[in-house]
N, C-alpha and C. Protein backbone atom coordinates (compact mmCIF):
# COMPACT_ATOMS: atom_id res chain seq x y z
N MET A 1 -7.64 -29.22 -45.40
CA MET A 1 -7.92 -27.80 -45.20
C MET A 1 -9.09 -27.39 -46.07
N GLY A 2 -9.90 -26.47 -45.54
CA GLY A 2 -11.08 -26.02 -46.27
C GLY A 2 -10.95 -24.58 -46.74
N LYS A 3 -12.03 -23.84 -46.60
CA LYS A 3 -12.10 -22.46 -47.03
C LYS A 3 -10.93 -21.65 -46.49
N ALA A 4 -10.22 -20.98 -47.39
CA ALA A 4 -9.12 -20.06 -47.04
C ALA A 4 -8.14 -20.68 -46.05
N GLY A 5 -7.86 -21.99 -46.22
CA GLY A 5 -6.89 -22.65 -45.36
C GLY A 5 -7.40 -23.01 -43.98
N LYS A 6 -8.69 -22.86 -43.73
CA LYS A 6 -9.26 -23.21 -42.43
C LYS A 6 -9.45 -24.72 -42.33
N ARG A 7 -9.28 -25.24 -41.13
CA ARG A 7 -9.41 -26.67 -40.90
C ARG A 7 -10.87 -27.11 -40.99
N GLU A 8 -11.11 -28.11 -41.83
CA GLU A 8 -12.44 -28.67 -41.97
C GLU A 8 -12.83 -29.36 -40.67
N LEU A 9 -14.08 -29.26 -40.29
CA LEU A 9 -14.58 -30.03 -39.16
C LEU A 9 -15.19 -31.30 -39.72
N GLY A 10 -15.01 -32.39 -39.02
CA GLY A 10 -15.42 -33.71 -39.50
C GLY A 10 -16.92 -33.89 -39.67
N LYS A 11 -17.24 -35.00 -40.30
CA LYS A 11 -18.63 -35.35 -40.58
C LYS A 11 -19.47 -35.41 -39.29
N GLU A 12 -18.84 -35.87 -38.20
CA GLU A 12 -19.58 -35.97 -36.93
C GLU A 12 -19.98 -34.59 -36.41
N HIS A 13 -19.15 -33.56 -36.66
CA HIS A 13 -19.50 -32.20 -36.25
C HIS A 13 -20.68 -31.69 -37.08
N LEU A 14 -20.64 -31.95 -38.37
CA LEU A 14 -21.73 -31.53 -39.25
C LEU A 14 -23.03 -32.21 -38.86
N GLU A 15 -22.98 -33.51 -38.63
CA GLU A 15 -24.18 -34.25 -38.23
C GLU A 15 -24.71 -33.75 -36.89
N PHE A 16 -23.80 -33.42 -35.97
CA PHE A 16 -24.22 -32.89 -34.67
C PHE A 16 -24.93 -31.55 -34.86
N ALA A 17 -24.33 -30.66 -35.66
CA ALA A 17 -24.94 -29.34 -35.91
C ALA A 17 -26.30 -29.51 -36.58
N GLN A 18 -26.40 -30.42 -37.52
CA GLN A 18 -27.68 -30.66 -38.20
C GLN A 18 -28.73 -31.18 -37.23
N SER A 19 -28.33 -32.05 -36.32
CA SER A 19 -29.30 -32.58 -35.35
C SER A 19 -29.73 -31.50 -34.37
N ARG A 20 -28.79 -30.63 -33.96
CA ARG A 20 -29.14 -29.52 -33.06
C ARG A 20 -30.08 -28.53 -33.75
N MET A 21 -29.85 -28.30 -35.05
CA MET A 21 -30.70 -27.38 -35.81
C MET A 21 -32.15 -27.88 -35.81
N LYS A 22 -32.34 -29.18 -35.85
CA LYS A 22 -33.69 -29.75 -35.85
C LYS A 22 -34.42 -29.52 -34.53
N LEU A 23 -33.69 -29.19 -33.47
CA LEU A 23 -34.31 -28.89 -32.18
C LEU A 23 -34.87 -27.47 -32.12
N SER A 24 -34.46 -26.62 -33.06
CA SER A 24 -34.95 -25.24 -33.11
C SER A 24 -36.22 -25.21 -33.96
N LYS A 25 -37.34 -25.00 -33.32
CA LYS A 25 -38.62 -24.99 -34.04
C LYS A 25 -38.65 -23.90 -35.12
N PHE A 26 -38.04 -22.76 -34.84
CA PHE A 26 -38.01 -21.69 -35.83
C PHE A 26 -37.20 -22.10 -37.05
N SER A 27 -36.01 -22.65 -36.83
CA SER A 27 -35.16 -23.07 -37.95
C SER A 27 -35.83 -24.14 -38.80
N VAL A 28 -36.54 -25.05 -38.16
CA VAL A 28 -37.29 -26.07 -38.90
C VAL A 28 -38.42 -25.42 -39.69
N LEU A 29 -39.14 -24.49 -39.07
CA LEU A 29 -40.25 -23.81 -39.73
C LEU A 29 -39.81 -23.11 -41.01
N VAL A 30 -38.69 -22.41 -40.96
CA VAL A 30 -38.24 -21.66 -42.14
C VAL A 30 -37.36 -22.49 -43.07
N GLY A 31 -36.89 -23.65 -42.61
CA GLY A 31 -36.16 -24.55 -43.48
C GLY A 31 -34.67 -24.31 -43.58
N PHE A 32 -34.04 -23.84 -42.50
CA PHE A 32 -32.59 -23.66 -42.50
C PHE A 32 -31.91 -25.03 -42.43
N GLU A 33 -30.85 -25.20 -43.21
CA GLU A 33 -30.09 -26.45 -43.19
C GLU A 33 -28.60 -26.15 -43.12
N VAL A 34 -27.90 -26.84 -42.23
CA VAL A 34 -26.45 -26.71 -42.11
C VAL A 34 -25.82 -27.57 -43.21
N GLU A 35 -25.05 -26.94 -44.09
CA GLU A 35 -24.45 -27.64 -45.21
C GLU A 35 -22.97 -27.97 -45.02
N HIS A 36 -22.24 -27.06 -44.33
CA HIS A 36 -20.79 -27.22 -44.25
C HIS A 36 -20.26 -26.49 -43.03
N LEU A 37 -19.25 -27.09 -42.38
CA LEU A 37 -18.59 -26.47 -41.23
C LEU A 37 -17.08 -26.52 -41.41
N TYR A 38 -16.42 -25.46 -40.99
CA TYR A 38 -14.96 -25.45 -40.89
C TYR A 38 -14.63 -24.58 -39.69
N GLU A 39 -13.40 -24.65 -39.23
CA GLU A 39 -13.02 -23.88 -38.05
C GLU A 39 -13.18 -22.40 -38.34
N GLY A 40 -14.11 -21.76 -37.61
CA GLY A 40 -14.38 -20.33 -37.81
C GLY A 40 -15.42 -20.04 -38.87
N GLY A 41 -16.08 -21.06 -39.39
CA GLY A 41 -17.07 -20.81 -40.44
C GLY A 41 -18.17 -21.84 -40.53
N ALA A 42 -19.29 -21.41 -41.08
CA ALA A 42 -20.44 -22.30 -41.30
C ALA A 42 -21.21 -21.82 -42.52
N ILE A 43 -21.71 -22.77 -43.28
CA ILE A 43 -22.55 -22.46 -44.44
C ILE A 43 -23.91 -23.10 -44.23
N LEU A 44 -24.95 -22.26 -44.31
CA LEU A 44 -26.33 -22.72 -44.21
C LEU A 44 -27.05 -22.42 -45.51
N ARG A 45 -28.08 -23.20 -45.79
CA ARG A 45 -28.89 -22.98 -46.98
C ARG A 45 -30.36 -23.02 -46.62
N MET A 46 -31.14 -22.37 -47.48
CA MET A 46 -32.59 -22.35 -47.33
C MET A 46 -33.21 -22.30 -48.72
N LYS A 47 -34.15 -23.19 -49.00
CA LYS A 47 -34.89 -23.17 -50.26
C LYS A 47 -36.04 -22.19 -50.09
N VAL A 48 -36.14 -21.20 -50.99
CA VAL A 48 -37.19 -20.18 -50.90
C VAL A 48 -38.56 -20.83 -51.12
N GLN A 49 -39.48 -20.52 -50.22
CA GLN A 49 -40.86 -21.00 -50.30
C GLN A 49 -41.80 -19.80 -50.18
N ASP A 50 -43.06 -20.01 -50.51
CA ASP A 50 -44.03 -18.91 -50.49
C ASP A 50 -44.09 -18.20 -49.14
N HIS A 51 -44.01 -18.95 -48.04
CA HIS A 51 -44.15 -18.32 -46.72
C HIS A 51 -42.93 -17.47 -46.35
N HIS A 52 -41.86 -17.49 -47.14
CA HIS A 52 -40.70 -16.61 -46.90
C HIS A 52 -40.88 -15.23 -47.53
N ARG A 53 -41.85 -15.10 -48.42
CA ARG A 53 -41.99 -13.87 -49.20
C ARG A 53 -42.88 -12.85 -48.49
N GLN A 54 -42.54 -11.56 -48.70
CA GLN A 54 -43.39 -10.48 -48.21
C GLN A 54 -44.33 -10.04 -49.34
N ILE A 55 -45.04 -8.95 -49.17
CA ILE A 55 -46.09 -8.56 -50.12
C ILE A 55 -45.60 -8.21 -51.52
N HIS A 56 -44.30 -7.95 -51.67
CA HIS A 56 -43.75 -7.63 -52.99
C HIS A 56 -43.13 -8.85 -53.67
N SER A 57 -43.44 -10.04 -53.16
CA SER A 57 -43.02 -11.33 -53.72
C SER A 57 -41.51 -11.59 -53.67
N VAL A 58 -40.81 -10.94 -52.76
CA VAL A 58 -39.40 -11.23 -52.53
C VAL A 58 -39.25 -11.74 -51.10
N VAL A 59 -38.13 -12.42 -50.82
CA VAL A 59 -37.92 -12.96 -49.48
C VAL A 59 -37.87 -11.80 -48.47
N HIS A 60 -38.61 -11.96 -47.41
CA HIS A 60 -38.69 -10.96 -46.34
C HIS A 60 -37.31 -10.75 -45.72
N GLY A 61 -36.97 -9.49 -45.45
CA GLY A 61 -35.68 -9.16 -44.86
C GLY A 61 -35.44 -9.83 -43.52
N GLY A 62 -36.50 -10.04 -42.76
CA GLY A 62 -36.35 -10.71 -41.47
C GLY A 62 -35.91 -12.16 -41.61
N VAL A 63 -36.36 -12.83 -42.66
CA VAL A 63 -35.94 -14.20 -42.92
C VAL A 63 -34.46 -14.23 -43.29
N ILE A 64 -34.04 -13.29 -44.12
CA ILE A 64 -32.63 -13.20 -44.52
C ILE A 64 -31.75 -12.89 -43.30
N ALA A 65 -32.21 -11.97 -42.46
CA ALA A 65 -31.45 -11.63 -41.25
C ALA A 65 -31.36 -12.83 -40.30
N ALA A 66 -32.44 -13.58 -40.16
CA ALA A 66 -32.43 -14.76 -39.29
C ALA A 66 -31.47 -15.83 -39.82
N LEU A 67 -31.45 -16.01 -41.14
CA LEU A 67 -30.53 -16.97 -41.75
C LEU A 67 -29.08 -16.54 -41.50
N ALA A 68 -28.79 -15.26 -41.69
CA ALA A 68 -27.43 -14.74 -41.46
C ALA A 68 -27.04 -14.90 -39.99
N ASP A 69 -27.93 -14.58 -39.09
CA ASP A 69 -27.66 -14.68 -37.65
C ASP A 69 -27.39 -16.12 -37.25
N THR A 70 -28.15 -17.05 -37.80
CA THR A 70 -27.99 -18.46 -37.46
C THR A 70 -26.67 -19.00 -38.00
N ALA A 71 -26.32 -18.66 -39.25
CA ALA A 71 -25.04 -19.09 -39.83
C ALA A 71 -23.88 -18.52 -39.02
N ALA A 72 -24.01 -17.27 -38.62
CA ALA A 72 -22.95 -16.61 -37.84
C ALA A 72 -22.79 -17.26 -36.47
N ALA A 73 -23.90 -17.58 -35.82
CA ALA A 73 -23.84 -18.21 -34.50
C ALA A 73 -23.15 -19.57 -34.57
N ILE A 74 -23.50 -20.36 -35.57
CA ILE A 74 -22.88 -21.67 -35.70
C ILE A 74 -21.39 -21.52 -35.98
N ALA A 75 -21.03 -20.55 -36.82
CA ALA A 75 -19.60 -20.29 -37.08
C ALA A 75 -18.89 -19.91 -35.78
N ALA A 76 -19.52 -19.07 -34.97
CA ALA A 76 -18.91 -18.64 -33.71
C ALA A 76 -18.71 -19.81 -32.75
N TYR A 77 -19.65 -20.73 -32.71
CA TYR A 77 -19.52 -21.89 -31.83
C TYR A 77 -18.33 -22.78 -32.23
N THR A 78 -17.93 -22.75 -33.50
CA THR A 78 -16.82 -23.60 -33.92
C THR A 78 -15.48 -23.16 -33.34
N VAL A 79 -15.40 -21.94 -32.81
CA VAL A 79 -14.15 -21.45 -32.23
C VAL A 79 -14.29 -21.07 -30.76
N SER A 80 -15.44 -21.31 -30.17
CA SER A 80 -15.67 -20.95 -28.77
C SER A 80 -15.19 -22.07 -27.85
N PRO A 81 -14.66 -21.72 -26.69
CA PRO A 81 -14.21 -22.74 -25.73
C PRO A 81 -15.38 -23.58 -25.22
N PRO A 82 -15.09 -24.78 -24.75
CA PRO A 82 -16.14 -25.63 -24.18
C PRO A 82 -16.88 -24.92 -23.06
N GLY A 83 -18.18 -25.12 -23.01
CA GLY A 83 -19.00 -24.55 -21.94
C GLY A 83 -19.47 -23.14 -22.19
N VAL A 84 -19.07 -22.51 -23.29
CA VAL A 84 -19.49 -21.14 -23.58
C VAL A 84 -20.82 -21.16 -24.33
N GLU A 85 -21.72 -20.29 -23.93
CA GLU A 85 -22.98 -20.09 -24.64
C GLU A 85 -22.93 -18.70 -25.26
N LEU A 86 -23.51 -18.57 -26.45
CA LEU A 86 -23.48 -17.31 -27.19
C LEU A 86 -24.88 -16.75 -27.35
N VAL A 87 -24.95 -15.43 -27.38
CA VAL A 87 -26.22 -14.74 -27.63
C VAL A 87 -25.92 -13.52 -28.50
N THR A 88 -26.77 -13.29 -29.50
CA THR A 88 -26.59 -12.14 -30.37
C THR A 88 -26.86 -10.87 -29.58
N ILE A 89 -25.89 -9.95 -29.59
CA ILE A 89 -26.13 -8.67 -28.92
C ILE A 89 -26.18 -7.51 -29.91
N GLU A 90 -25.73 -7.78 -31.15
CA GLU A 90 -25.83 -6.75 -32.19
C GLU A 90 -25.87 -7.43 -33.55
N LEU A 91 -26.73 -6.92 -34.42
CA LEU A 91 -26.82 -7.41 -35.79
C LEU A 91 -27.04 -6.23 -36.70
N LYS A 92 -26.19 -6.11 -37.72
CA LYS A 92 -26.33 -5.06 -38.73
C LYS A 92 -26.32 -5.75 -40.07
N ILE A 93 -27.27 -5.40 -40.93
CA ILE A 93 -27.35 -6.06 -42.23
C ILE A 93 -27.63 -5.04 -43.33
N ASN A 94 -26.97 -5.23 -44.46
CA ASN A 94 -27.24 -4.44 -45.66
C ASN A 94 -27.85 -5.39 -46.69
N TYR A 95 -29.00 -5.00 -47.23
CA TYR A 95 -29.65 -5.78 -48.27
C TYR A 95 -29.22 -5.18 -49.61
N LEU A 96 -28.60 -6.00 -50.45
CA LEU A 96 -28.01 -5.52 -51.69
C LEU A 96 -28.81 -5.89 -52.92
N LEU A 97 -29.44 -7.05 -52.91
CA LEU A 97 -30.27 -7.51 -54.03
C LEU A 97 -31.50 -8.22 -53.48
N PRO A 98 -32.64 -8.10 -54.15
CA PRO A 98 -33.81 -8.87 -53.72
C PRO A 98 -33.61 -10.35 -54.06
N ILE A 99 -34.17 -11.21 -53.24
CA ILE A 99 -34.14 -12.65 -53.50
C ILE A 99 -35.58 -13.07 -53.78
N VAL A 100 -35.80 -13.66 -54.94
CA VAL A 100 -37.15 -14.01 -55.37
C VAL A 100 -37.41 -15.51 -55.25
N GLU A 101 -36.44 -16.31 -55.67
CA GLU A 101 -36.65 -17.77 -55.68
C GLU A 101 -35.32 -18.49 -55.58
N GLY A 102 -35.40 -19.81 -55.58
CA GLY A 102 -34.20 -20.63 -55.58
C GLY A 102 -33.71 -20.95 -54.18
N THR A 103 -32.42 -21.19 -54.08
CA THR A 103 -31.78 -21.53 -52.81
C THR A 103 -30.92 -20.36 -52.37
N VAL A 104 -31.03 -20.03 -51.10
CA VAL A 104 -30.25 -18.94 -50.51
C VAL A 104 -29.14 -19.59 -49.68
N GLU A 105 -27.92 -19.07 -49.80
CA GLU A 105 -26.80 -19.58 -49.03
C GLU A 105 -26.24 -18.47 -48.15
N ALA A 106 -25.98 -18.81 -46.89
CA ALA A 106 -25.38 -17.86 -45.95
C ALA A 106 -24.11 -18.47 -45.39
N GLU A 107 -22.99 -17.72 -45.50
CA GLU A 107 -21.73 -18.19 -44.96
C GLU A 107 -21.27 -17.24 -43.86
N GLY A 108 -21.25 -17.75 -42.64
CA GLY A 108 -20.75 -16.99 -41.51
C GLY A 108 -19.27 -17.24 -41.33
N LYS A 109 -18.49 -16.16 -41.11
CA LYS A 109 -17.04 -16.27 -40.93
C LYS A 109 -16.63 -15.44 -39.71
N VAL A 110 -15.97 -16.08 -38.78
CA VAL A 110 -15.52 -15.40 -37.57
C VAL A 110 -14.41 -14.42 -37.92
N LEU A 111 -14.58 -13.17 -37.49
CA LEU A 111 -13.55 -12.15 -37.66
C LEU A 111 -12.65 -12.05 -36.44
N ARG A 112 -13.26 -12.19 -35.26
CA ARG A 112 -12.50 -12.08 -34.00
C ARG A 112 -13.24 -12.83 -32.93
N ALA A 113 -12.54 -13.72 -32.25
CA ALA A 113 -13.13 -14.46 -31.14
C ALA A 113 -12.38 -14.07 -29.87
N GLY A 114 -13.06 -13.38 -29.00
CA GLY A 114 -12.47 -12.98 -27.73
C GLY A 114 -13.10 -13.73 -26.57
N ARG A 115 -12.68 -13.39 -25.37
CA ARG A 115 -13.18 -14.05 -24.17
C ARG A 115 -14.66 -13.74 -23.92
N ASN A 116 -15.08 -12.49 -24.19
CA ASN A 116 -16.45 -12.07 -23.90
C ASN A 116 -17.31 -11.79 -25.12
N PHE A 117 -16.67 -11.62 -26.28
CA PHE A 117 -17.40 -11.29 -27.51
C PHE A 117 -16.82 -12.04 -28.69
N VAL A 118 -17.69 -12.36 -29.65
CA VAL A 118 -17.26 -12.95 -30.91
C VAL A 118 -17.89 -12.11 -32.02
N VAL A 119 -17.08 -11.65 -32.96
CA VAL A 119 -17.57 -10.84 -34.08
C VAL A 119 -17.52 -11.70 -35.34
N VAL A 120 -18.65 -11.75 -36.04
CA VAL A 120 -18.78 -12.62 -37.22
C VAL A 120 -19.42 -11.83 -38.35
N GLU A 121 -18.91 -12.04 -39.58
CA GLU A 121 -19.56 -11.48 -40.76
C GLU A 121 -20.28 -12.60 -41.48
N CYS A 122 -21.27 -12.23 -42.27
CA CYS A 122 -22.00 -13.24 -43.02
C CYS A 122 -22.37 -12.70 -44.39
N ASP A 123 -22.03 -13.46 -45.42
CA ASP A 123 -22.44 -13.15 -46.79
C ASP A 123 -23.64 -14.03 -47.13
N VAL A 124 -24.69 -13.40 -47.64
CA VAL A 124 -25.88 -14.12 -48.07
C VAL A 124 -25.94 -14.01 -49.59
N ARG A 125 -25.99 -15.16 -50.24
CA ARG A 125 -25.95 -15.19 -51.70
C ARG A 125 -27.19 -15.85 -52.28
N ASN A 126 -27.59 -15.35 -53.46
CA ASN A 126 -28.75 -15.91 -54.15
C ASN A 126 -28.33 -17.13 -54.97
N ASP A 127 -29.28 -17.67 -55.75
CA ASP A 127 -29.04 -18.86 -56.57
C ASP A 127 -27.90 -18.70 -57.57
N GLU A 128 -27.64 -17.48 -58.00
CA GLU A 128 -26.57 -17.22 -58.97
C GLU A 128 -25.26 -16.84 -58.29
N ALA A 129 -25.17 -17.08 -56.99
CA ALA A 129 -23.98 -16.78 -56.18
C ALA A 129 -23.68 -15.28 -56.11
N GLN A 130 -24.69 -14.46 -56.35
CA GLN A 130 -24.54 -13.01 -56.22
C GLN A 130 -24.75 -12.62 -54.77
N LEU A 131 -23.95 -11.66 -54.28
CA LEU A 131 -24.09 -11.19 -52.91
C LEU A 131 -25.39 -10.41 -52.78
N ALA A 132 -26.34 -10.96 -52.02
CA ALA A 132 -27.65 -10.35 -51.84
C ALA A 132 -27.75 -9.57 -50.53
N ALA A 133 -26.93 -9.95 -49.54
CA ALA A 133 -26.93 -9.24 -48.26
C ALA A 133 -25.59 -9.47 -47.57
N LYS A 134 -25.19 -8.49 -46.77
CA LYS A 134 -23.95 -8.57 -45.99
C LYS A 134 -24.31 -8.20 -44.56
N ALA A 135 -23.95 -9.08 -43.62
CA ALA A 135 -24.30 -8.85 -42.23
C ALA A 135 -23.07 -8.89 -41.34
N LEU A 136 -23.16 -8.21 -40.21
CA LEU A 136 -22.12 -8.21 -39.19
C LEU A 136 -22.81 -8.40 -37.85
N MET A 137 -22.38 -9.41 -37.11
CA MET A 137 -22.99 -9.71 -35.82
C MET A 137 -21.94 -9.71 -34.72
N THR A 138 -22.36 -9.30 -33.52
CA THR A 138 -21.55 -9.43 -32.32
C THR A 138 -22.31 -10.33 -31.38
N PHE A 139 -21.62 -11.35 -30.88
CA PHE A 139 -22.21 -12.28 -29.92
C PHE A 139 -21.55 -12.09 -28.58
N GLY A 140 -22.37 -12.07 -27.52
CA GLY A 140 -21.85 -12.08 -26.17
C GLY A 140 -21.58 -13.53 -25.81
N ALA A 141 -20.48 -13.78 -25.11
CA ALA A 141 -20.09 -15.13 -24.73
C ALA A 141 -20.05 -15.22 -23.21
N ALA A 142 -20.67 -16.25 -22.67
CA ALA A 142 -20.67 -16.47 -21.22
C ALA A 142 -20.59 -17.97 -20.96
N MET A 143 -19.99 -18.32 -19.85
CA MET A 143 -19.92 -19.74 -19.49
C MET A 143 -21.32 -20.26 -19.20
N ASN A 144 -21.58 -21.45 -19.68
CA ASN A 144 -22.87 -22.09 -19.46
C ASN A 144 -23.01 -22.46 -17.99
N ARG A 145 -24.11 -22.07 -17.39
CA ARG A 145 -24.36 -22.37 -15.98
C ARG A 145 -25.32 -23.54 -15.82
N SER A 146 -25.76 -24.12 -16.95
CA SER A 146 -26.74 -25.21 -16.90
C SER A 146 -26.06 -26.55 -17.15
N PRO A 147 -26.02 -27.43 -16.15
CA PRO A 147 -25.37 -28.72 -16.34
C PRO A 147 -26.13 -29.64 -17.30
N GLU A 148 -27.40 -29.33 -17.58
CA GLU A 148 -28.20 -30.18 -18.46
C GLU A 148 -27.86 -29.98 -19.94
N THR A 149 -27.25 -28.85 -20.28
CA THR A 149 -26.97 -28.56 -21.69
C THR A 149 -25.88 -29.49 -22.18
N GLY A 150 -26.11 -30.07 -23.35
CA GLY A 150 -25.15 -31.01 -23.93
C GLY A 150 -23.96 -30.29 -24.54
N ALA A 151 -22.96 -31.07 -24.90
CA ALA A 151 -21.77 -30.53 -25.54
C ALA A 151 -22.12 -29.93 -26.89
N GLY A 152 -21.51 -28.82 -27.21
CA GLY A 152 -21.77 -28.15 -28.48
C GLY A 152 -20.74 -28.50 -29.53
N ILE A 153 -20.92 -27.95 -30.71
CA ILE A 153 -20.01 -28.16 -31.82
C ILE A 153 -18.60 -27.77 -31.40
N HIS A 154 -18.49 -26.63 -30.73
CA HIS A 154 -17.20 -26.11 -30.33
C HIS A 154 -16.49 -27.06 -29.36
N GLN A 155 -17.24 -27.71 -28.49
CA GLN A 155 -16.62 -28.61 -27.54
C GLN A 155 -16.02 -29.82 -28.25
N ARG A 156 -16.72 -30.34 -29.24
CA ARG A 156 -16.19 -31.47 -30.00
C ARG A 156 -14.95 -31.05 -30.78
N ALA A 157 -14.95 -29.85 -31.32
CA ALA A 157 -13.78 -29.36 -32.08
C ALA A 157 -12.57 -29.24 -31.15
N HIS A 158 -12.78 -28.75 -29.92
CA HIS A 158 -11.66 -28.62 -28.97
C HIS A 158 -11.10 -29.98 -28.61
N VAL A 159 -11.95 -30.96 -28.40
CA VAL A 159 -11.49 -32.30 -28.08
C VAL A 159 -10.68 -32.85 -29.24
N ASP A 160 -11.17 -32.66 -30.46
CA ASP A 160 -10.45 -33.14 -31.64
C ASP A 160 -9.08 -32.46 -31.76
N ARG A 161 -9.01 -31.15 -31.52
CA ARG A 161 -7.72 -30.43 -31.60
C ARG A 161 -6.75 -30.96 -30.55
N ALA A 162 -7.26 -31.20 -29.34
CA ALA A 162 -6.41 -31.70 -28.26
C ALA A 162 -5.89 -33.09 -28.58
N ARG A 163 -6.73 -33.92 -29.15
CA ARG A 163 -6.30 -35.27 -29.51
C ARG A 163 -5.28 -35.24 -30.64
N ALA A 164 -5.46 -34.34 -31.58
CA ALA A 164 -4.56 -34.25 -32.74
C ALA A 164 -3.18 -33.73 -32.34
N ASN A 165 -3.13 -32.87 -31.32
CA ASN A 165 -1.86 -32.27 -30.93
C ASN A 165 -1.81 -32.16 -29.40
N PRO A 166 -1.59 -33.28 -28.71
CA PRO A 166 -1.66 -33.27 -27.23
C PRO A 166 -0.58 -32.45 -26.55
N LYS A 167 0.52 -32.15 -27.25
CA LYS A 167 1.59 -31.37 -26.63
C LYS A 167 1.39 -29.86 -26.73
N ALA A 168 0.43 -29.46 -27.57
CA ALA A 168 0.17 -28.02 -27.73
C ALA A 168 -0.55 -27.49 -26.51
N ARG A 169 -0.19 -26.28 -26.12
CA ARG A 169 -0.89 -25.63 -25.01
C ARG A 169 -2.22 -25.13 -25.49
N THR A 170 -3.26 -25.33 -24.70
CA THR A 170 -4.59 -24.80 -25.02
C THR A 170 -4.61 -23.34 -24.62
N ARG A 171 -4.98 -22.49 -25.55
CA ARG A 171 -5.03 -21.05 -25.31
C ARG A 171 -6.46 -20.58 -25.53
N THR A 172 -6.99 -19.87 -24.54
CA THR A 172 -8.30 -19.29 -24.67
C THR A 172 -8.16 -17.95 -25.38
N PRO A 173 -8.92 -17.74 -26.49
CA PRO A 173 -8.84 -16.44 -27.18
C PRO A 173 -9.20 -15.30 -26.25
N SER A 174 -8.55 -14.16 -26.40
CA SER A 174 -8.86 -13.01 -25.55
C SER A 174 -9.44 -11.89 -26.36
């Protein structure tokens, strides 16, 4: 068990998420890295670099919001049924402290996973583990209509759960 009693997702899930992250040109450009996954949660990190800073020498709010959104999306995929694709439909963020340097950590935690929407919160912390920003995102969920899209993190987690407990009924969150 991991964070707050949540089930840890295996190394293969983490490696899969990391490989998928490398396919996102934006995430590679800004340096987002998936560090940890558990059921309903994801932790991403980013090392602050000069190109992240705005004119006042602190990390630009848009970079922080993008990191929070990405951590939240990955967290949401860990509890979404196979074949579901997610898209951010709402993002609200409060900036609490400026981030100047070091490593930034964002932890997305699913609050509610329904059939059509997933609500996720994200804490963004600076190098001293101080809360620098708090975000709340709503993702729209829809079945994937593209047969070319590969299996996601959530699909592997569902397969693992089914293998671990084959007699349990599969329930789609509502």
